[in-house]
Protein backbone atom coordinates (compact mmCIF):
# COMPACT_ATOMS: atom_id res chain seq x y z
CA MET A 1 -6.61 17.92 -27.59
CA LEU A 2 -4.41 17.05 -30.23
CA LEU A 3 -0.94 19.04 -30.73
CA ALA A 4 -0.40 18.75 -34.71
CA LEU A 5 2.97 18.42 -35.39
CA PRO A 6 3.58 18.64 -39.30
CA GLY A 7 7.47 18.77 -39.28
CA VAL A 8 8.14 15.55 -37.15
CA PHE A 9 4.99 14.08 -38.90
CA LEU A 10 7.13 14.89 -42.29
CA LEU A 11 10.47 13.54 -41.14
CA ALA A 12 8.66 10.67 -40.47
CA LEU A 13 7.34 10.18 -44.15
CA LEU A 14 11.16 11.00 -45.33
CA ALA A 15 12.68 8.63 -43.31
CA SER A 16 9.93 6.10 -44.96
CA GLY A 17 10.91 6.96 -48.89
CA VAL A 18 8.09 9.37 -48.84
CA GLU A 19 9.36 12.74 -50.16
CA PRO A 20 6.97 15.54 -50.74
CA PRO A 21 6.80 16.55 -54.49
CA ALA A 22 8.56 19.76 -55.72
CA GLY A 23 6.31 22.05 -57.67
CA GLU A 24 3.88 19.42 -58.00
CA GLY A 25 1.59 21.35 -55.37
CA LEU A 26 0.00 19.59 -51.98
CA GLU A 27 -2.71 17.45 -53.45
CA PRO A 28 -0.07 14.77 -54.44
CA LEU A 29 1.55 15.16 -50.74
CA GLY A 30 -1.54 14.70 -49.23
CA LYS A 31 -2.61 11.39 -51.06
CA LYS A 32 0.94 10.15 -50.26
CA ILE A 33 0.68 10.50 -46.86
CA GLY A 34 -3.37 8.86 -46.81
CA ALA A 35 -0.71 6.15 -48.36
CA VAL A 36 1.32 5.77 -45.87
CA VAL A 37 -1.67 5.93 -42.61
CA LYS A 38 -3.36 3.47 -44.40
CA ALA A 39 -0.59 1.31 -44.54
CA ALA A 40 0.53 1.13 -41.01
CA ASP A 41 -0.86 -1.11 -38.73
CA LEU A 42 -3.41 1.20 -36.69
CA LYS A 43 -5.73 -1.23 -35.07
CA GLY A 44 -6.64 -0.29 -31.79
CA ALA A 45 -4.85 2.85 -32.16
CA ARG A 46 -6.95 6.38 -31.68
CA VAL A 47 -4.98 8.77 -34.28
CA GLY A 48 -5.54 12.11 -35.21
CA ILE A 49 -3.55 14.09 -38.20
CA HIS A 50 -3.04 17.78 -39.53
CA VAL A 51 -0.67 18.77 -41.64
CA MET A 52 -1.13 22.63 -42.91
CA ASP A 53 1.17 24.57 -45.29
CA ALA A 54 2.90 26.93 -42.78
CA GLU A 55 2.41 29.46 -45.25
CA THR A 56 -1.17 29.44 -46.90
CA GLY A 57 -2.94 27.75 -43.99
CA GLU A 58 -4.32 25.19 -46.64
CA THR A 59 -4.75 21.41 -45.33
CA VAL A 60 -2.43 19.24 -46.93
CA TYR A 61 -3.94 15.79 -45.15
CA ALA A 62 -6.49 15.77 -42.20
CA LEU A 63 -7.63 12.24 -40.54
CA ASN A 64 -9.90 12.82 -37.14
CA ASP A 65 -8.38 16.20 -36.27
CA LYS A 66 -11.02 17.22 -34.77
CA GLU A 67 -11.49 14.52 -32.08
CA ALA A 68 -10.03 15.88 -28.87
CA LEU A 69 -6.74 13.12 -27.88
CA ASN A 70 -4.22 13.38 -25.27
CA PRO A 71 -1.25 15.07 -26.68
CA ALA A 72 1.15 13.48 -24.01
CA SER A 73 4.42 14.62 -23.84
CA GLY A 74 3.72 16.60 -26.83
CA ILE A 75 2.68 19.11 -24.11
CA LYS A 76 5.52 19.99 -23.21
CA VAL A 77 6.01 22.25 -26.83
CA VAL A 78 3.31 24.11 -25.30
CA THR A 79 4.80 24.94 -22.17
CA ALA A 80 8.25 25.60 -22.91
CA LEU A 81 6.69 28.10 -25.85
CA ALA A 82 4.86 29.78 -22.78
CA ALA A 83 7.78 29.81 -20.60
CA LEU A 84 10.14 31.52 -23.49
CA VAL A 85 7.41 34.56 -23.90
CA TYR A 86 6.48 34.95 -20.27
CA LEU A 87 9.83 34.37 -18.46
CA GLY A 88 12.44 35.08 -21.03
CA PRO A 89 15.28 33.09 -22.71
CA GLU A 90 17.65 34.09 -20.20
CA ALA A 91 15.90 33.97 -17.04
CA THR A 92 17.55 32.41 -14.15
CA PHE A 93 15.90 30.27 -11.11
CA THR A 94 18.05 31.58 -7.16
CA THR A 95 18.21 29.51 -4.45
CA THR A 96 18.84 31.79 -1.23
CA LEU A 97 20.04 30.89 2.33
CA LEU A 98 19.89 32.98 4.77
CA ALA A 99 20.52 32.66 8.55
CA ASP A 100 19.67 34.26 11.99
CA PRO A 101 22.54 36.99 12.95
CA PRO A 102 25.71 34.80 13.96
CA VAL A 103 26.47 34.73 18.40
CA LYS A 104 29.81 33.04 18.41
CA GLY A 105 29.94 31.49 15.86
CA LYS A 106 26.31 30.17 16.10
CA VAL A 107 23.43 30.66 14.85
CA LYS A 108 19.67 29.74 15.80
CA LYS A 109 18.13 28.85 12.31
CA VAL A 110 18.88 28.97 8.77
CA TYR A 111 15.95 29.44 6.38
CA LEU A 112 16.29 28.14 2.38
CA ARG A 113 14.29 30.30 -0.15
CA GLY A 114 13.41 29.02 -3.44
CA SER A 115 12.26 30.18 -6.51
CA GLY A 116 11.44 26.87 -8.03
CA ASP A 117 14.47 26.27 -9.71
CA PRO A 118 13.86 22.76 -11.64
CA SER A 119 17.84 22.48 -11.65
CA LEU A 120 18.82 22.64 -7.90
CA ARG A 121 21.41 19.77 -7.29
CA THR A 122 22.99 18.44 -4.11
CA SER A 123 26.17 20.19 -5.43
CA ASP A 124 24.54 23.75 -5.19
CA LEU A 125 23.66 22.64 -1.51
CA ARG A 126 26.90 22.24 -0.95
CA ASP A 127 27.66 25.78 -2.45
CA LEU A 128 25.05 27.06 0.02
CA ALA A 129 26.97 25.32 3.04
CA ASP A 130 30.10 26.94 2.31
CA GLY A 131 29.00 30.04 2.05
CA LEU A 132 27.98 29.59 5.47
CA ALA A 133 31.02 28.29 6.64
CA ALA A 134 32.71 31.05 5.70
CA ARG A 135 30.74 33.62 7.83
CA GLY A 136 32.66 31.40 10.41
CA VAL A 137 29.33 29.60 11.37
CA THR A 138 30.01 26.33 13.60
CA ALA A 139 26.79 25.48 14.60
CA VAL A 140 22.90 25.39 13.80
CA THR A 141 21.08 25.26 17.01
CA ALA A 142 17.23 25.40 16.65
CA GLY A 143 17.07 23.94 12.74
CA ILE A 144 16.31 24.70 9.01
CA VAL A 145 13.17 26.33 7.85
CA VAL A 146 12.49 26.08 4.19
CA ASP A 147 10.35 28.70 2.79
CA GLY A 148 8.60 27.36 -1.05
CA SER A 149 6.41 29.99 -0.94
CA ARG A 150 6.74 31.00 -4.31
CA PHE A 151 4.60 28.19 -5.39
CA ASP A 152 1.36 26.73 -3.85
CA ASP A 153 1.23 23.67 -1.82
CA GLU A 154 0.09 21.46 -4.14
CA VAL A 155 2.88 18.95 -4.98
CA LEU A 156 1.63 16.49 -7.42
CA PRO A 157 0.64 18.01 -10.60
CA TYR A 158 -2.87 17.45 -12.40
CA GLY A 159 -3.26 14.02 -14.09
CA PHE A 160 -0.19 12.31 -11.85
CA ASP A 161 -2.64 10.36 -9.55
CA HIS A 162 -3.91 8.72 -12.51
CA TYR A 163 -0.60 6.43 -13.52
CA PRO A 164 -0.48 2.77 -12.21
CA ALA A 165 0.45 1.79 -9.03
CA SER A 166 3.07 0.00 -10.75
CA ASP A 167 4.70 3.54 -11.68
CA ALA A 168 3.96 5.35 -8.02
CA GLU A 169 7.84 5.18 -7.28
CA SER A 170 9.33 6.44 -10.46
CA ALA A 171 11.15 9.68 -10.77
CA PHE A 172 8.76 10.64 -13.56
CA ARG A 173 6.42 11.64 -10.90
CA ALA A 174 8.45 13.51 -8.51
CA PRO A 175 6.63 16.42 -7.02
CA VAL A 176 6.92 19.74 -7.17
CA GLY A 177 7.71 22.82 -5.00
CA GLY A 178 9.19 26.24 -4.73
CA VAL A 179 12.42 24.36 -3.44
CA THR A 180 13.34 21.40 -4.95
CA VAL A 181 16.41 19.46 -5.26
CA ASN A 182 17.67 16.48 -7.91
CA ALA A 183 14.15 17.07 -9.75
CA GLY A 184 12.12 15.77 -6.55
CA THR A 185 13.66 12.69 -6.38
CA LEU A 186 15.72 10.45 -3.61
CA GLN A 187 19.34 9.60 -4.56
CA ILE A 188 19.86 5.65 -4.08
CA ARG A 189 23.69 4.65 -4.05
CA VAL A 190 24.74 0.95 -4.23
CA LEU A 191 28.43 -0.68 -3.49
CA PRO A 192 29.23 -4.18 -3.36
CA GLY A 193 29.76 -4.90 0.74
CA THR A 194 33.33 -5.63 2.22
CA GLY A 195 32.95 -9.32 1.10
CA PRO A 196 30.87 -12.51 0.08
CA GLY A 197 27.95 -12.68 2.76
CA ALA A 198 27.92 -8.86 3.87
CA PRO A 199 25.06 -6.48 2.77
CA ALA A 200 25.78 -4.17 0.21
CA ALA A 201 27.04 -0.30 1.06
CA VAL A 202 24.25 1.10 0.27
CA SER A 203 23.20 5.26 1.09
CA VAL A 204 20.19 7.16 0.16
CA PHE A 205 20.38 11.15 0.02
CA PRO A 206 19.17 12.95 1.88
CA ARG A 207 20.15 10.43 5.11
CA GLY A 208 17.78 12.44 7.60
CA TYR A 209 14.58 12.42 5.21
CA VAL A 210 14.77 8.46 5.02
CA ASP A 211 14.80 5.42 6.65
CA LEU A 212 16.09 2.43 4.90
CA GLU A 213 16.24 -1.33 5.65
CA ASN A 214 18.98 -2.39 3.76
CA ALA A 215 18.36 -6.85 3.00
CA THR A 216 21.09 -6.91 -0.01
CA GLU A 217 23.66 -10.01 0.25
CA THR A 218 27.19 -8.97 -1.62
CA GLN A 219 28.05 -12.39 -3.43
CA LYS A 220 30.58 -13.62 -5.32
CA ASP A 221 30.47 -15.18 -9.27
CA VAL A 222 26.38 -13.91 -9.08
CA LYS A 223 24.62 -11.47 -11.48
CA THR A 224 23.69 -8.36 -9.80
CA ALA A 225 19.87 -8.41 -9.29
CA ILE A 226 19.23 -5.15 -6.61
CA LYS A 227 15.27 -4.29 -6.04
CA LEU A 228 13.90 -1.72 -4.53
CA SER A 229 10.91 -0.42 -2.76
CA THR A 230 10.15 3.04 -1.54
CA TRP A 231 7.01 3.96 0.19
CA ALA A 232 6.11 8.10 2.30
CA GLU A 233 5.28 7.36 5.77
CA GLY A 234 4.69 9.10 8.58
CA GLY A 235 6.34 12.51 7.23
CA ARG A 236 9.03 10.27 5.94
CA MET A 237 10.44 8.54 3.04
CA LYS A 238 10.97 4.45 3.59
CA VAL A 239 12.98 2.70 1.74
CA LYS A 240 13.68 -1.21 1.32
CA ILE A 241 16.41 -2.93 -0.52
CA TRP A 242 17.16 -6.20 -1.45
CA GLY A 243 18.82 -8.89 -3.96
CA ALA A 244 22.25 -9.99 -4.55
CA VAL A 245 25.27 -7.65 -5.26
CA SER A 246 28.15 -9.03 -7.26
CA THR A 247 31.64 -8.65 -5.67
CA THR A 248 32.87 -7.54 -8.93
CA TYR A 249 29.49 -4.54 -9.41
CA LYS A 250 30.71 -1.39 -10.38
CA GLY A 251 27.92 0.51 -8.08
CA GLY A 252 24.62 1.85 -9.11
CA LEU A 253 22.35 4.97 -8.84
CA PHE A 254 19.04 4.70 -8.23
CA SER A 255 16.52 7.46 -8.30
CA ARG A 256 12.76 7.55 -6.61
CA ARG A 257 10.59 10.32 -6.33
CA ALA A 258 10.10 11.92 -2.89
CA GLU A 259 6.77 13.02 -1.44
CA ASP A 260 7.61 16.36 0.07
CA PRO A 261 9.97 18.92 -2.33
CA LEU A 262 10.46 20.89 0.20
CA ALA A 263 11.47 18.38 3.10
CA LEU A 264 13.43 16.95 0.47
CA ALA A 265 15.77 19.88 0.21
CA GLY A 266 15.93 20.79 3.98
CA HIS A 267 17.24 17.56 4.91
CA GLY A 268 19.90 17.63 1.88
CA LEU A 269 20.85 20.76 3.30
CA ALA A 270 21.07 19.57 7.00
CA GLN A 271 23.16 16.76 5.66
CA VAL A 272 25.23 19.01 3.36
CA LEU A 273 26.38 21.44 6.31
CA GLU A 274 27.22 18.44 8.68
CA GLU A 275 29.43 17.08 5.98
CA ARG A 276 31.28 20.59 6.02
CA GLY A 277 31.61 20.30 9.86
CA ILE A 278 28.64 23.34 10.85
CA ALA A 279 26.42 21.14 13.53
CA VAL A 280 22.59 20.94 12.88
CA GLY A 281 20.07 20.87 15.82
CA GLY A 282 16.26 21.35 15.62
CA LYS A 283 14.23 20.12 13.22
CA VAL A 284 13.71 20.53 9.49
CA GLU A 285 10.26 22.73 9.19
CA LYS A 286 8.34 24.62 6.58
CA GLY A 287 7.89 28.41 6.95
CA HIS A 288 8.77 31.76 6.04
CA VAL A 289 12.13 33.64 6.09
CA PRO A 290 11.62 36.46 8.51
CA GLY A 291 12.63 40.04 7.98
CA SER A 292 15.70 39.71 10.66
CA ALA A 293 17.48 36.94 8.55
CA VAL A 294 21.20 37.94 7.15
CA ARG A 295 21.45 36.61 3.39
CA VAL A 296 24.45 34.63 3.45
CA ALA A 297 24.54 32.77 -0.33
CA ALA A 298 22.53 32.10 -3.63
CA ALA A 299 22.62 29.45 -6.18
CA ALA A 300 21.61 30.47 -9.49
CA SER A 301 20.16 28.18 -11.86
CA GLY A 302 21.48 28.44 -16.03
CA PRO A 303 19.37 30.57 -18.17
CA LEU A 304 15.76 29.22 -18.81
CA SER A 305 17.18 28.43 -22.43
CA SER A 306 19.18 26.10 -21.36
CA LEU A 307 16.87 24.43 -18.93
CA LEU A 308 14.74 23.45 -21.70
CA LEU A 309 16.80 20.65 -22.62
CA ASP A 310 15.40 18.89 -20.03
CA VAL A 311 12.00 19.42 -21.16
CA GLY A 312 12.33 18.85 -24.59
CA LYS A 313 14.99 16.90 -25.38
CA ALA A 314 14.75 14.31 -21.73
CA SER A 315 11.14 14.92 -21.98
CA ARG A 316 11.41 15.51 -17.69
CA ASN A 317 7.87 16.50 -16.41
CA VAL A 318 9.44 17.84 -13.01
CA VAL A 319 11.14 20.49 -15.30
CA ALA A 320 8.10 21.33 -17.27
CA GLU A 321 5.85 21.24 -14.09
CA GLN A 322 7.84 23.51 -12.23
CA LEU A 323 8.39 26.07 -14.98
CA LEU A 324 4.63 25.88 -15.31
CA LYS A 325 4.21 27.07 -11.63
CA ALA A 326 6.60 29.65 -12.26
CA ILE A 327 4.64 31.13 -14.84
CA GLY A 328 1.42 30.88 -13.00
CA ALA A 329 3.23 32.89 -10.28
CA GLU A 330 4.99 35.26 -12.89
CA VAL A 331 1.62 35.92 -15.10
CA LYS A 332 -1.04 35.92 -12.04
CA GLY A 333 1.30 36.49 -9.01
CA ALA A 334 2.56 33.93 -6.44
CA PRO A 335 2.26 31.84 -5.21
CA GLY A 336 2.30 29.87 -8.25
CA SER A 337 0.23 27.17 -9.39
CA GLY A 338 -0.69 24.51 -12.07
CA THR A 339 -4.21 26.38 -12.36
CA LYS A 340 -2.42 29.58 -12.78
CA GLY A 341 -0.23 28.97 -14.58
CA ALA A 342 -2.66 26.66 -17.17
CA GLU A 343 -4.49 29.73 -17.44
CA ALA A 344 -1.80 32.03 -18.68
CA VAL A 345 -0.45 29.06 -20.91
CA MET A 346 -4.27 29.50 -22.53
CA GLU A 347 -4.25 33.21 -22.54
CA LEU A 348 -1.37 32.68 -25.10
CA LEU A 349 -2.52 30.32 -27.43
CA GLY A 350 -5.60 32.40 -27.56
CA LYS A 351 -3.81 35.66 -28.40
CA ALA A 352 -1.91 33.67 -30.97
CA GLY A 353 -4.61 33.33 -32.76
CA ILE A 354 -5.86 29.78 -31.76
CA ASP A 355 -9.17 28.83 -31.34
CA THR A 356 -9.17 27.51 -27.52
CA SER A 357 -12.64 26.32 -26.74
CA ALA A 358 -11.86 22.75 -27.64
CA VAL A 359 -8.61 22.88 -26.05
CA THR A 360 -7.85 21.43 -22.51
CA TYR A 361 -4.54 22.09 -21.04
CA ARG A 362 -4.11 21.12 -17.37
CA ASN A 363 -0.75 20.25 -16.80
CA GLY A 364 2.84 21.06 -18.24
CA SER A 365 4.07 17.70 -19.03
């Protein structure tokens, strides 16, 4: 599939000094576009172009416009459009904290239930923890249950396993889940150690989900050179960090994809609860909220119209993929999936009069 974005292409032409002729018809413009393409160094590239008059539908210029090509992140435009149509620009995503009825300041379990918020952050988890503390709770004795049933269990979108091994740890391959925090990534902070020869000060969020191997060394009068490796093993994430950290290093934050978004969110909640002074016993597990659970607090995202900045301007894959599953849940029913979302998007294109027989749409980013 090729996404034809004539506005973008014409901006490129204007930047190169080619202006659409005024009052001369479209044929001269088509010739000028052809001249720009002919002069460009496109050897080894597969190129498809289709420029159309939006008012008349007349083709101004076409080159290999029937050839099926991968639109790459251009497909996010279609995903964003579908989200606006199906969900609405004012739509928000709510993450809810529930708990078993408290007894003398203690609850057996707490439950974190999501609706697929792509913007959930550590700060939101802290707000939820504050809500539990405000009820006088000082301990969770039997663990944390994360309910991501709004989405299916397929956390890796279609095609994300096609990336080269060198990109395996990258944040742009982050997983998709009904509950996910920090866009599905581990947050690794690095500061200089206590002095030359000491290891750097390294912290990872959430710490309960990560086994950290810190082989760094703080050194004087060196250029900071940090290396990181992350991988999943035994239901946990492994982080190895090594290299030299200067005593004058101001600190850095590194993001790496997590393997399991629900485990990431559950351990993140456990950490912020403990930081809030609420003791957490038991384990983090996946499950459903029982009918007896009491609603404690909720965190809502901003409106969809604001979240789309991360889809378009920042081109963040995980946000587009979260929205695709949200579309699937809204249009086809929960649990939302990439397949359901894609079906809904294709139906929308068909209703818009687009011939979808030559279109393949399988992920949102």
